[in-house]
């Protein structure tokens, strides 16, 4: 796998991370069957893709980018789908996370 492909796989894994986080909320503590099944399946794929990216990218970069994408995506999903609050401070913090992710990408090459 090339470095560019590893980055693509990592971004997909990160997107799946916030999808499974939303599924986790929908499962209500794994008390609802189908949201729980969906969440576990998406978790497995997300972890697998993360592990594939780690074959090429360093662990610190891979894991940090994966959790950063998941964190930003979870806040956005929470705002739009679960009517959670948003503030200027939250937006600033999200921008810092995105800046960190981009910094790691461009520092890695």
PDB file of N, CA and C in Angstrom:
ATOM      1  N   UNK A   1       0.854  -1.173   0.000  1.00  0.00           N
ATOM      2  CA  UNK A   1       0.000   0.000   0.000  1.00  0.00           C
ATOM      3  C   UNK A   1       0.902   1.239   0.000  1.00  0.00           C
ATOM      4  N   UNK A   2       0.552   2.195  -0.834  1.00  0.00           N
ATOM      5  CA  UNK A   2       1.309   3.444  -0.907  1.00  0.00           C
ATOM      6  C   UNK A   2       0.930   4.346   0.269  1.00  0.00           C
ATOM      7  N   UNK A   3       1.728   5.351   0.483  1.00  0.00           N
ATOM      8  CA  UNK A   3       1.440   6.310   1.551  1.00  0.00           C
ATOM      9  C   UNK A   3       0.128   7.041   1.280  1.00  0.00           C
ATOM     10  N   UNK A   4      -0.091   7.441   0.042  1.00  0.00           N
ATOM     11  CA  UNK A   4      -1.350   8.127  -0.290  1.00  0.00           C
ATOM     12  C   UNK A   4      -2.556   7.230  -0.041  1.00  0.00           C
ATOM     13  N   UNK A   5      -2.448   5.968  -0.410  1.00  0.00           N
ATOM     14  CA  UNK A   5      -3.549   5.029  -0.176  1.00  0.00           C
ATOM     15  C   UNK A   5      -3.773   4.834   1.319  1.00  0.00           C
ATOM     16  N   UNK A   6      -2.693   4.788   2.096  1.00  0.00           N
ATOM     17  CA  UNK A   6      -2.822   4.642   3.548  1.00  0.00           C
ATOM     18  C   UNK A   6      -3.577   5.829   4.143  1.00  0.00           C
ATOM     19  N   UNK A   7      -3.319   7.029   3.626  1.00  0.00           N
ATOM     20  CA  UNK A   7      -4.039   8.211   4.097  1.00  0.00           C
ATOM     21  C   UNK A   7      -5.521   8.135   3.743  1.00  0.00           C
ATOM     22  N   UNK A   8      -5.821   7.676   2.553  1.00  0.00           N
ATOM     23  CA  UNK A   8      -7.229   7.528   2.147  1.00  0.00           C
ATOM     24  C   UNK A   8      -7.935   6.522   3.050  1.00  0.00           C
ATOM     25  N   UNK A   9      -7.284   5.396   3.283  1.00  0.00           N
ATOM     26  CA  UNK A   9      -7.847   4.361   4.157  1.00  0.00           C
ATOM     27  C   UNK A   9      -8.037   4.919   5.565  1.00  0.00           C
ATOM     28  N   UNK A  10      -7.078   5.703   6.041  1.00  0.00           N
ATOM     29  CA  UNK A  10      -7.168   6.293   7.376  1.00  0.00           C
ATOM     30  C   UNK A  10      -8.339   7.273   7.478  1.00  0.00           C
ATOM     31  N   UNK A  11      -8.534   8.080   6.468  1.00  0.00           N
ATOM     32  CA  UNK A  11      -9.664   9.022   6.481  1.00  0.00           C
ATOM     33  C   UNK A  11     -10.986   8.264   6.494  1.00  0.00           C
ATOM     34  N   UNK A  12     -11.095   7.201   5.705  1.00  0.00           N
ATOM     35  CA  UNK A  12     -12.315   6.390   5.713  1.00  0.00           C
ATOM     36  C   UNK A  12     -12.528   5.778   7.089  1.00  0.00           C
ATOM     37  N   UNK A  13     -11.464   5.281   7.700  1.00  0.00           N
ATOM     38  CA  UNK A  13     -11.560   4.718   9.052  1.00  0.00           C
ATOM     39  C   UNK A  13     -12.036   5.772  10.044  1.00  0.00           C
ATOM     40  N   UNK A  14     -11.549   7.008   9.899  1.00  0.00           N
ATOM     41  CA  UNK A  14     -11.964   8.098  10.774  1.00  0.00           C
ATOM     42  C   UNK A  14     -13.428   8.455  10.605  1.00  0.00           C
ATOM     43  N   UNK A  15     -13.891   8.467   9.371  1.00  0.00           N
ATOM     44  CA  UNK A  15     -15.308   8.742   9.106  1.00  0.00           C
ATOM     45  C   UNK A  15     -16.166   7.643   9.728  1.00  0.00           C
ATOM     46  N   UNK A  16     -15.728   6.402   9.566  1.00  0.00           N
ATOM     47  CA  UNK A  16     -16.474   5.296  10.173  1.00  0.00           C
ATOM     48  C   UNK A  16     -16.475   5.401  11.698  1.00  0.00           C
ATOM     49  N   UNK A  17     -15.417   6.002  12.257  1.00  0.00           N
ATOM     50  CA  UNK A  17     -15.385   6.153  13.711  1.00  0.00           C
ATOM     51  C   UNK A  17     -16.524   7.030  14.209  1.00  0.00           C
ATOM     52  N   UNK A  18     -16.766   8.172  13.555  1.00  0.00           N
ATOM     53  CA  UNK A  18     -17.869   8.989  14.058  1.00  0.00           C
ATOM     54  C   UNK A  18     -19.223   8.410  13.686  1.00  0.00           C
ATOM     55  N   UNK A  19     -19.277   7.578  12.649  1.00  0.00           N
ATOM     56  CA  UNK A  19     -20.531   6.880  12.347  1.00  0.00           C
ATOM     57  C   UNK A  19     -20.840   5.876  13.450  1.00  0.00           C
ATOM     58  N   UNK A  20     -19.809   5.118  13.889  1.00  0.00           N
ATOM     59  CA  UNK A  20     -20.101   4.165  14.966  1.00  0.00           C
ATOM     60  C   UNK A  20     -20.358   4.867  16.286  1.00  0.00           C
ATOM     61  N   UNK A  21     -19.789   6.048  16.488  1.00  0.00           N
ATOM     62  CA  UNK A  21     -20.087   6.801  17.709  1.00  0.00           C
ATOM     63  C   UNK A  21     -21.563   7.207  17.729  1.00  0.00           C
ATOM     64  N   UNK A  22     -22.064   7.635  16.578  1.00  0.00           N
ATOM     65  CA  UNK A  22     -23.493   7.974  16.486  1.00  0.00           C
ATOM     66  C   UNK A  22     -24.350   6.726  16.672  1.00  0.00           C
ATOM     67  N   UNK A  23     -23.901   5.611  16.114  1.00  0.00           N
ATOM     68  CA  UNK A  23     -24.614   4.343  16.311  1.00  0.00           C
ATOM     69  C   UNK A  23     -24.627   3.928  17.769  1.00  0.00           C
ATOM     70  N   UNK A  24     -23.532   4.199  18.456  1.00  0.00           N
ATOM     71  CA  UNK A  24     -23.446   3.871  19.878  1.00  0.00           C
ATOM     72  C   UNK A  24     -24.496   4.652  20.662  1.00  0.00           C
ATOM     73  N   UNK A  25     -24.666   5.914  20.312  1.00  0.00           N
ATOM     74  CA  UNK A  25     -25.703   6.718  20.976  1.00  0.00           C
ATOM     75  C   UNK A  25     -27.084   6.146  20.668  1.00  0.00           C
ATOM     76  N   UNK A  26     -27.304   5.763  19.409  1.00  0.00           N
ATOM     77  CA  UNK A  26     -28.594   5.205  19.010  1.00  0.00           C
ATOM     78  C   UNK A  26     -28.873   3.857  19.673  1.00  0.00           C
ATOM     79  N   UNK A  27     -27.814   3.121  19.992  1.00  0.00           N
ATOM     80  CA  UNK A  27     -28.007   1.797  20.605  1.00  0.00           C
ATOM     81  C   UNK A  27     -28.432   1.889  22.064  1.00  0.00           C
ATOM     82  N   UNK A  28     -28.307   3.095  22.628  1.00  0.00           N
ATOM     83  CA  UNK A  28     -28.677   3.343  24.025  1.00  0.00           C
ATOM     84  C   UNK A  28     -28.022   2.323  24.958  1.00  0.00           C
ATOM     85  N   UNK A  29     -26.689   2.328  24.924  1.00  0.00           N
ATOM     86  CA  UNK A  29     -25.937   1.429  25.795  1.00  0.00           C
ATOM     87  C   UNK A  29     -26.049  -0.026  25.389  1.00  0.00           C
ATOM     88  N   UNK A  30     -26.121  -0.267  24.101  1.00  0.00           N
ATOM     89  CA  UNK A  30     -26.281  -1.611  23.531  1.00  0.00           C
ATOM     90  C   UNK A  30     -27.571  -2.291  24.000  1.00  0.00           C
ATOM     91  N   UNK A  31     -28.588  -1.499  24.290  1.00  0.00           N
ATOM     92  CA  UNK A  31     -29.870  -2.072  24.713  1.00  0.00           C
ATOM     93  C   UNK A  31     -30.838  -2.266  23.549  1.00  0.00           C
ATOM     94  N   UNK A  32     -30.511  -1.711  22.375  1.00  0.00           N
ATOM     95  CA  UNK A  32     -31.337  -1.893  21.177  1.00  0.00           C
ATOM     96  C   UNK A  32     -30.565  -2.762  20.197  1.00  0.00           C
ATOM     97  N   UNK A  33     -31.184  -3.839  19.747  1.00  0.00           N
ATOM     98  CA  UNK A  33     -30.488  -4.853  18.953  1.00  0.00           C
ATOM     99  C   UNK A  33     -29.874  -4.313  17.672  1.00  0.00           C
ATOM    100  N   UNK A  34     -30.682  -3.782  16.756  1.00  0.00           N
ATOM    101  CA  UNK A  34     -30.159  -3.432  15.436  1.00  0.00           C
ATOM    102  C   UNK A  34     -29.183  -2.262  15.449  1.00  0.00           C
ATOM    103  N   UNK A  35     -29.435  -1.222  16.224  1.00  0.00           N
ATOM    104  CA  UNK A  35     -28.386  -0.194  16.324  1.00  0.00           C
ATOM    105  C   UNK A  35     -27.088  -0.754  16.924  1.00  0.00           C
ATOM    106  N   UNK A  36     -27.206  -1.709  17.833  1.00  0.00           N
ATOM    107  CA  UNK A  36     -26.020  -2.338  18.431  1.00  0.00           C
ATOM    108  C   UNK A  36     -25.255  -3.164  17.400  1.00  0.00           C
ATOM    109  N   UNK A  37     -25.982  -3.938  16.605  1.00  0.00           N
ATOM    110  CA  UNK A  37     -25.350  -4.750  15.557  1.00  0.00           C
ATOM    111  C   UNK A  37     -24.650  -3.845  14.549  1.00  0.00           C
ATOM    112  N   UNK A  38     -25.338  -2.797  14.120  1.00  0.00           N
ATOM    113  CA  UNK A  38     -24.759  -1.832  13.184  1.00  0.00           C
ATOM    114  C   UNK A  38     -23.484  -1.218  13.763  1.00  0.00           C
ATOM    115  N   UNK A  39     -23.551  -0.785  15.009  1.00  0.00           N
ATOM    116  CA  UNK A  39     -22.414  -0.138  15.661  1.00  0.00           C
ATOM    117  C   UNK A  39     -21.208  -1.067  15.729  1.00  0.00           C
ATOM    118  N   UNK A  40     -21.423  -2.293  16.133  1.00  0.00           N
ATOM    119  CA  UNK A  40     -20.319  -3.250  16.250  1.00  0.00           C
ATOM    120  C   UNK A  40     -19.713  -3.551  14.884  1.00  0.00           C
ATOM    121  N   UNK A  41     -20.549  -3.675  13.869  1.00  0.00           N
ATOM    122  CA  UNK A  41     -20.043  -3.947  12.515  1.00  0.00           C
ATOM    123  C   UNK A  41     -19.201  -2.776  11.996  1.00  0.00           C
ATOM    124  N   UNK A  42     -19.692  -1.563  12.185  1.00  0.00           N
ATOM    125  CA  UNK A  42     -18.952  -0.390  11.717  1.00  0.00           C
ATOM    126  C   UNK A  42     -17.665  -0.216  12.528  1.00  0.00           C
ATOM    127  N   UNK A  43     -17.727  -0.504  13.828  1.00  0.00           N
ATOM    128  CA  UNK A  43     -16.516  -0.467  14.662  1.00  0.00           C
ATOM    129  C   UNK A  43     -15.444  -1.400  14.104  1.00  0.00           C
ATOM    130  N   UNK A  44     -15.858  -2.612  13.783  1.00  0.00           N
ATOM    131  CA  UNK A  44     -14.906  -3.612  13.291  1.00  0.00           C
ATOM    132  C   UNK A  44     -14.242  -3.144  12.003  1.00  0.00           C
ATOM    133  N   UNK A  45     -15.018  -2.601  11.083  1.00  0.00           N
ATOM    134  CA  UNK A  45     -14.451  -2.124   9.821  1.00  0.00           C
ATOM    135  C   UNK A  45     -13.525  -0.935  10.074  1.00  0.00           C
ATOM    136  N   UNK A  46     -13.937  -0.024  10.948  1.00  0.00           N
ATOM    137  CA  UNK A  46     -13.120   1.138  11.260  1.00  0.00           C
ATOM    138  C   UNK A  46     -11.777   0.722  11.858  1.00  0.00           C
ATOM    139  N   UNK A  47     -11.795  -0.188  12.819  1.00  0.00           N
ATOM    140  CA  UNK A  47     -10.557  -0.675  13.428  1.00  0.00           C
ATOM    141  C   UNK A  47      -9.681  -1.395  12.406  1.00  0.00           C
ATOM    142  N   UNK A  48     -10.303  -2.178  11.549  1.00  0.00           N
ATOM    143  CA  UNK A  48      -9.546  -2.902  10.522  1.00  0.00           C
ATOM    144  C   UNK A  48      -8.843  -1.923   9.579  1.00  0.00           C
ATOM    145  N   UNK A  49      -9.577  -0.912   9.110  1.00  0.00           N
ATOM    146  CA  UNK A  49      -8.970   0.070   8.214  1.00  0.00           C
ATOM    147  C   UNK A  49      -7.872   0.865   8.923  1.00  0.00           C
ATOM    148  N   UNK A  50      -8.085   1.182  10.195  1.00  0.00           N
ATOM    149  CA  UNK A  50      -7.030   1.844  10.962  1.00  0.00           C
ATOM    150  C   UNK A  50      -5.783   0.965  11.002  1.00  0.00           C
ATOM    151  N   UNK A  51      -5.967  -0.318  11.239  1.00  0.00           N
ATOM    152  CA  UNK A  51      -4.817  -1.227  11.304  1.00  0.00           C
ATOM    153  C   UNK A  51      -4.098  -1.317   9.962  1.00  0.00           C
ATOM    154  N   UNK A  52      -4.847  -1.260   8.867  1.00  0.00           N
ATOM    155  CA  UNK A  52      -4.213  -1.275   7.546  1.00  0.00           C
ATOM    156  C   UNK A  52      -3.366  -0.025   7.328  1.00  0.00           C
ATOM    157  N   UNK A  53      -3.890   1.121   7.736  1.00  0.00           N
ATOM    158  CA  UNK A  53      -3.130   2.361   7.549  1.00  0.00           C
ATOM    159  C   UNK A  53      -1.850   2.346   8.378  1.00  0.00           C
ATOM    160  N   UNK A  54      -1.894   1.668   9.520  1.00  0.00           N
ATOM    161  CA  UNK A  54      -0.723   1.604  10.397  1.00  0.00           C
ATOM    162  C   UNK A  54       0.400   0.728   9.836  1.00  0.00           C
ATOM    163  N   UNK A  55       0.106  -0.027   8.793  1.00  0.00           N
ATOM    164  CA  UNK A  55       1.176  -0.775   8.129  1.00  0.00           C
ATOM    165  C   UNK A  55       2.152   0.170   7.447  1.00  0.00           C
ATOM    166  N   UNK A  56       1.666   1.363   7.085  1.00  0.00           N
ATOM    167  CA  UNK A  56       2.476   2.326   6.343  1.00  0.00           C
ATOM    168  C   UNK A  56       2.773   3.577   7.174  1.00  0.00           C
ATOM    169  N   UNK A  57       1.777   4.063   7.876  1.00  0.00           N
ATOM    170  CA  UNK A  57       1.921   5.314   8.629  1.00  0.00           C
ATOM    171  C   UNK A  57       2.314   5.028  10.073  1.00  0.00           C
ATOM    172  N   UNK A  58       3.011   5.960  10.707  1.00  0.00           N
ATOM    173  CA  UNK A  58       3.382   5.774  12.111  1.00  0.00           C
ATOM    174  C   UNK A  58       2.151   5.702  13.017  1.00  0.00           C
ATOM    175  N   UNK A  59       2.273   4.976  14.113  1.00  0.00           N
ATOM    176  CA  UNK A  59       1.158   4.799  15.044  1.00  0.00           C
ATOM    177  C   UNK A  59       0.653   6.131  15.591  1.00  0.00           C
ATOM    178  N   UNK A  60       1.564   7.020  15.963  1.00  0.00           N
ATOM    179  CA  UNK A  60       1.151   8.299  16.537  1.00  0.00           C
ATOM    180  C   UNK A  60       0.336   9.132  15.573  1.00  0.00           C
ATOM    181  N   UNK A  61       0.761   9.156  14.337  1.00  0.00           N
ATOM    182  CA  UNK A  61       0.032   9.895  13.306  1.00  0.00           C
ATOM    183  C   UNK A  61      -1.303   9.222  13.023  1.00  0.00           C
ATOM    184  N   UNK A  62      -1.287   7.928  12.801  1.00  0.00           N
ATOM    185  CA  UNK A  62      -2.512   7.188  12.455  1.00  0.00           C
ATOM    186  C   UNK A  62      -3.573   7.322  13.531  1.00  0.00           C
ATOM    187  N   UNK A  63      -3.198   7.020  14.749  1.00  0.00           N
ATOM    188  CA  UNK A  63      -4.176   7.025  15.830  1.00  0.00           C
ATOM    189  C   UNK A  63      -4.687   8.435  16.116  1.00  0.00           C
ATOM    190  N   UNK A  64      -3.799   9.407  16.087  1.00  0.00           N
ATOM    191  CA  UNK A  64      -4.202  10.785  16.353  1.00  0.00           C
ATOM    192  C   UNK A  64      -5.147  11.312  15.277  1.00  0.00           C
ATOM    193  N   UNK A  65      -4.840  11.046  14.029  1.00  0.00           N
ATOM    194  CA  UNK A  65      -5.712  11.479  12.937  1.00  0.00           C
ATOM    195  C   UNK A  65      -7.056  10.764  13.014  1.00  0.00           C
ATOM    196  N   UNK A  66      -7.043   9.464  13.282  1.00  0.00           N
ATOM    197  CA  UNK A  66      -8.279   8.675  13.393  1.00  0.00           C
ATOM    198  C   UNK A  66      -9.178   9.236  14.490  1.00  0.00           C
ATOM    199  N   UNK A  67      -8.611   9.472  15.669  1.00  0.00           N
ATOM    200  CA  UNK A  67      -9.429  10.003  16.758  1.00  0.00           C
ATOM    201  C   UNK A  67      -9.840  11.454  16.498  1.00  0.00           C
ATOM    202  N   UNK A  68      -8.981  12.217  15.829  1.00  0.00           N
ATOM    203  CA  UNK A  68      -9.328  13.606  15.510  1.00  0.00           C
ATOM    204  C   UNK A  68     -10.509  13.695  14.553  1.00  0.00           C
ATOM    205  N   UNK A  69     -10.464  12.874  13.510  1.00  0.00           N
ATOM    206  CA  UNK A  69     -11.598  12.843  12.572  1.00  0.00           C
ATOM    207  C   UNK A  69     -12.854  12.396  13.299  1.00  0.00           C
ATOM    208  N   UNK A  70     -12.712  11.383  14.131  1.00  0.00           N
ATOM    209  CA  UNK A  70     -13.861  10.896  14.904  1.00  0.00           C
ATOM    210  C   UNK A  70     -14.406  11.947  15.845  1.00  0.00           C
ATOM    211  N   UNK A  71     -13.524  12.695  16.495  1.00  0.00           N
ATOM    212  CA  UNK A  71     -13.962  13.729  17.434  1.00  0.00           C
ATOM    213  C   UNK A  71     -14.695  14.855  16.716  1.00  0.00           C
ATOM    214  N   UNK A  72     -14.096  15.359  15.649  1.00  0.00           N
ATOM    215  CA  UNK A  72     -14.732  16.442  14.894  1.00  0.00           C
ATOM    216  C   UNK A  72     -16.062  15.970  14.312  1.00  0.00           C
ATOM    217  N   UNK A  73     -16.049  14.797  13.697  1.00  0.00           N
ATOM    218  CA  UNK A  73     -17.276  14.259  13.114  1.00  0.00           C
ATOM    219  C   UNK A  73     -18.359  14.032  14.146  1.00  0.00           C
ATOM    220  N   UNK A  74     -17.974  13.569  15.326  1.00  0.00           N
ATOM    221  CA  UNK A  74     -18.960  13.322  16.386  1.00  0.00           C
ATOM    222  C   UNK A  74     -19.620  14.612  16.850  1.00  0.00           C
ATOM    223  N   UNK A  75     -18.850  15.670  16.966  1.00  0.00           N
ATOM    224  CA  UNK A  75     -19.425  16.957  17.366  1.00  0.00           C
ATOM    225  C   UNK A  75     -20.384  17.464  16.286  1.00  0.00           C
ATOM    226  N   UNK A  76     -19.994  17.337  15.033  1.00  0.00           N
ATOM    227  CA  UNK A  76     -20.848  17.793  13.929  1.00  0.00           C
ATOM    228  C   UNK A  76     -22.132  16.959  13.864  1.00  0.00           C
ATOM    229  N   UNK A  77     -21.998  15.643  13.966  1.00  0.00           N
ATOM    230  CA  UNK A  77     -23.177  14.765  13.965  1.00  0.00           C
ATOM    231  C   UNK A  77     -24.068  15.086  15.171  1.00  0.00           C
ATOM    232  N   UNK A  78     -23.447  15.284  16.330  1.00  0.00           N
ATOM    233  CA  UNK A  78     -24.216  15.623  17.526  1.00  0.00           C
ATOM    234  C   UNK A  78     -25.024  16.901  17.346  1.00  0.00           C
ATOM    235  N   UNK A  79     -24.423  17.877  16.709  1.00  0.00           N
ATOM    236  CA  UNK A  79     -25.114  19.146  16.483  1.00  0.00           C
ATOM    237  C   UNK A  79     -26.279  18.989  15.510  1.00  0.00           C
ATOM    238  N   UNK A  80     -26.017  18.354  14.361  1.00  0.00           N
ATOM    239  CA  UNK A  80     -27.034  18.286  13.313  1.00  0.00           C
ATOM    240  C   UNK A  80     -28.106  17.217  13.540  1.00  0.00           C
ATOM    241  N   UNK A  81     -27.752  16.112  14.162  1.00  0.00           N
ATOM    242  CA  UNK A  81     -28.701  15.006  14.276  1.00  0.00           C
ATOM    243  C   UNK A  81     -29.249  14.801  15.688  1.00  0.00           C
ATOM    244  N   UNK A  82     -28.517  15.243  16.703  1.00  0.00           N
ATOM    245  CA  UNK A  82     -28.959  15.034  18.076  1.00  0.00           C
ATOM    246  C   UNK A  82     -29.230  16.345  18.797  1.00  0.00           C
ATOM    247  N   UNK A  83     -29.189  17.448  18.043  1.00  0.00           N
ATOM    248  CA  UNK A  83     -29.537  18.777  18.551  1.00  0.00           C
ATOM    249  C   UNK A  83     -28.703  19.170  19.776  1.00  0.00           C
ATOM    250  N   UNK A  84     -27.433  18.812  19.740  1.00  0.00           N
ATOM    251  CA  UNK A  84     -26.520  19.207  20.804  1.00  0.00           C
ATOM    252  C   UNK A  84     -26.050  20.633  20.553  1.00  0.00           C
ATOM    253  N   UNK A  85     -25.596  21.278  21.586  1.00  0.00           N
ATOM    254  CA  UNK A  85     -25.244  22.697  21.485  1.00  0.00           C
ATOM    255  C   UNK A  85     -23.946  22.919  20.701  1.00  0.00           C
ATOM    256  N   UNK A  86     -23.833  24.126  20.166  1.00  0.00           N
ATOM    257  CA  UNK A  86     -22.624  24.548  19.466  1.00  0.00           C
ATOM    258  C   UNK A  86     -22.328  25.968  19.943  1.00  0.00           C
ATOM    259  N   UNK A  87     -21.066  26.261  20.108  1.00  0.00           N
ATOM    260  CA  UNK A  87     -20.671  27.601  20.541  1.00  0.00           C
ATOM    261  C   UNK A  87     -19.437  28.022  19.750  1.00  0.00           C
ATOM    262  N   UNK A  88     -19.099  29.281  19.869  1.00  0.00           N
ATOM    263  CA  UNK A  88     -17.906  29.791  19.209  1.00  0.00           C
ATOM    264  C   UNK A  88     -16.675  29.049  19.741  1.00  0.00           C
ATOM    265  N   UNK A  89     -16.643  28.801  21.037  1.00  0.00           N
ATOM    266  CA  UNK A  89     -15.508  28.090  21.632  1.00  0.00           C
ATOM    267  C   UNK A  89     -15.390  26.674  21.067  1.00  0.00           C
ATOM    268  N   UNK A  90     -16.508  25.979  20.911  1.00  0.00           N
ATOM    269  CA  UNK A  90     -16.471  24.635  20.317  1.00  0.00           C
ATOM    270  C   UNK A  90     -15.956  24.699  18.879  1.00  0.00           C
ATOM    271  N   UNK A  91     -16.424  25.682  18.129  1.00  0.00           N
ATOM    272  CA  UNK A  91     -15.959  25.821  16.749  1.00  0.00           C
ATOM    273  C   UNK A  91     -14.464  26.104  16.692  1.00  0.00           C
ATOM    274  N   UNK A  92     -13.978  26.928  17.596  1.00  0.00           N
ATOM    275  CA  UNK A  92     -12.550  27.223  17.659  1.00  0.00           C
ATOM    276  C   UNK A  92     -11.759  25.951  17.980  1.00  0.00           C
ATOM    277  N   UNK A  93     -12.235  25.187  18.933  1.00  0.00           N
ATOM    278  CA  UNK A  93     -11.554  23.939  19.294  1.00  0.00           C
ATOM    279  C   UNK A  93     -11.576  22.933  18.141  1.00  0.00           C
ATOM    280  N   UNK A  94     -12.686  22.852  17.442  1.00  0.00           N
ATOM    281  CA  UNK A  94     -12.757  21.974  16.271  1.00  0.00           C
ATOM    282  C   UNK A  94     -11.763  22.413  15.206  1.00  0.00           C
ATOM    283  N   UNK A  95     -11.644  23.719  15.009  1.00  0.00           N
ATOM    284  CA  UNK A  95     -10.678  24.235  14.033  1.00  0.00           C
ATOM    285  C   UNK A  95      -9.254  23.870  14.440  1.00  0.00           C
ATOM    286  N   UNK A  96      -8.969  23.903  15.716  1.00  0.00           N
ATOM    287  CA  UNK A  96      -7.640  23.514  16.194  1.00  0.00           C
ATOM    288  C   UNK A  96      -7.373  22.032  15.935  1.00  0.00           C
ATOM    289  N   UNK A  97      -8.384  21.194  16.147  1.00  0.00           N
ATOM    290  CA  UNK A  97      -8.226  19.759  15.879  1.00  0.00           C
ATOM    291  C   UNK A  97      -7.974  19.529  14.394  1.00  0.00           C
ATOM    292  N   UNK A  98      -8.776  20.167  13.543  1.00  0.00           N
ATOM    293  CA  UNK A  98      -8.596  20.024  12.095  1.00  0.00           C
ATOM    294  C   UNK A  98      -7.211  20.524  11.694  1.00  0.00           C
ATOM    295  N   UNK A  99      -6.780  21.642  12.272  1.00  0.00           N
ATOM    296  CA  UNK A  99      -5.435  22.150  11.992  1.00  0.00           C
ATOM    297  C   UNK A  99      -4.362  21.149  12.401  1.00  0.00           C
ATOM    298  N   UNK A 100      -4.548  20.492  13.530  1.00  0.00           N
ATOM    299  CA  UNK A 100      -3.604  19.469  13.970  1.00  0.00           C
ATOM    300  C   UNK A 100      -3.555  18.277  13.036  1.00  0.00           C
ATOM    301  N   UNK A 101      -4.725  17.850  12.569  1.00  0.00           N
ATOM    302  CA  UNK A 101      -4.789  16.735  11.623  1.00  0.00           C
ATOM    303  C   UNK A 101      -4.053  17.102  10.334  1.00  0.00           C
ATOM    304  N   UNK A 102      -4.340  18.292   9.811  1.00  0.00           N
ATOM    305  CA  UNK A 102      -3.676  18.727   8.585  1.00  0.00           C
ATOM    306  C   UNK A 102      -2.160  18.879   8.802  1.00  0.00           C
ATOM    307  N   UNK A 103      -1.794  19.397   9.965  1.00  0.00           N
ATOM    308  CA  UNK A 103      -0.379  19.520  10.276  1.00  0.00           C
ATOM    309  C   UNK A 103       0.322  18.169  10.283  1.00  0.00           C
ATOM    310  N   UNK A 104      -0.301  17.172  10.875  1.00  0.00           N
ATOM    311  CA  UNK A 104       0.283  15.829  10.884  1.00  0.00           C
ATOM    312  C   UNK A 104       0.378  15.260   9.472  1.00  0.00           C
ATOM    313  N   UNK A 105      -0.625  15.507   8.662  1.00  0.00           N
ATOM    314  CA  UNK A 105      -0.599  15.001   7.282  1.00  0.00           C
ATOM    315  C   UNK A 105       0.549  15.612   6.527  1.00  0.00           C
ATOM    316  N   UNK A 106       0.685  16.926   6.593  1.00  0.00           N
ATOM    317  CA  UNK A 106       1.711  17.582   5.790  1.00  0.00           C
ATOM    318  C   UNK A 106       3.105  17.426   6.384  1.00  0.00           C
ATOM    319  N   UNK A 107       3.202  17.212   7.678  1.00  0.00           N
ATOM    320  CA  UNK A 107       4.506  16.933   8.290  1.00  0.00           C
ATOM    321  C   UNK A 107       4.982  15.533   7.909  1.00  0.00           C
ATOM    322  N   UNK A 108       4.000  14.631   7.691  1.00  0.00           N
ATOM    323  CA  UNK A 108       4.313  13.235   7.337  1.00  0.00           C
ATOM    324  C   UNK A 108       4.701  13.099   5.874  1.00  0.00           C
ATOM    325  N   UNK A 109       4.084  13.923   5.020  1.00  0.00           N
ATOM    326  CA  UNK A 109       4.419  13.881   3.600  1.00  0.00           C
ATOM    327  C   UNK A 109       3.586  13.002   2.774  1.00  0.00           C
TER     328      UNK A 109
END
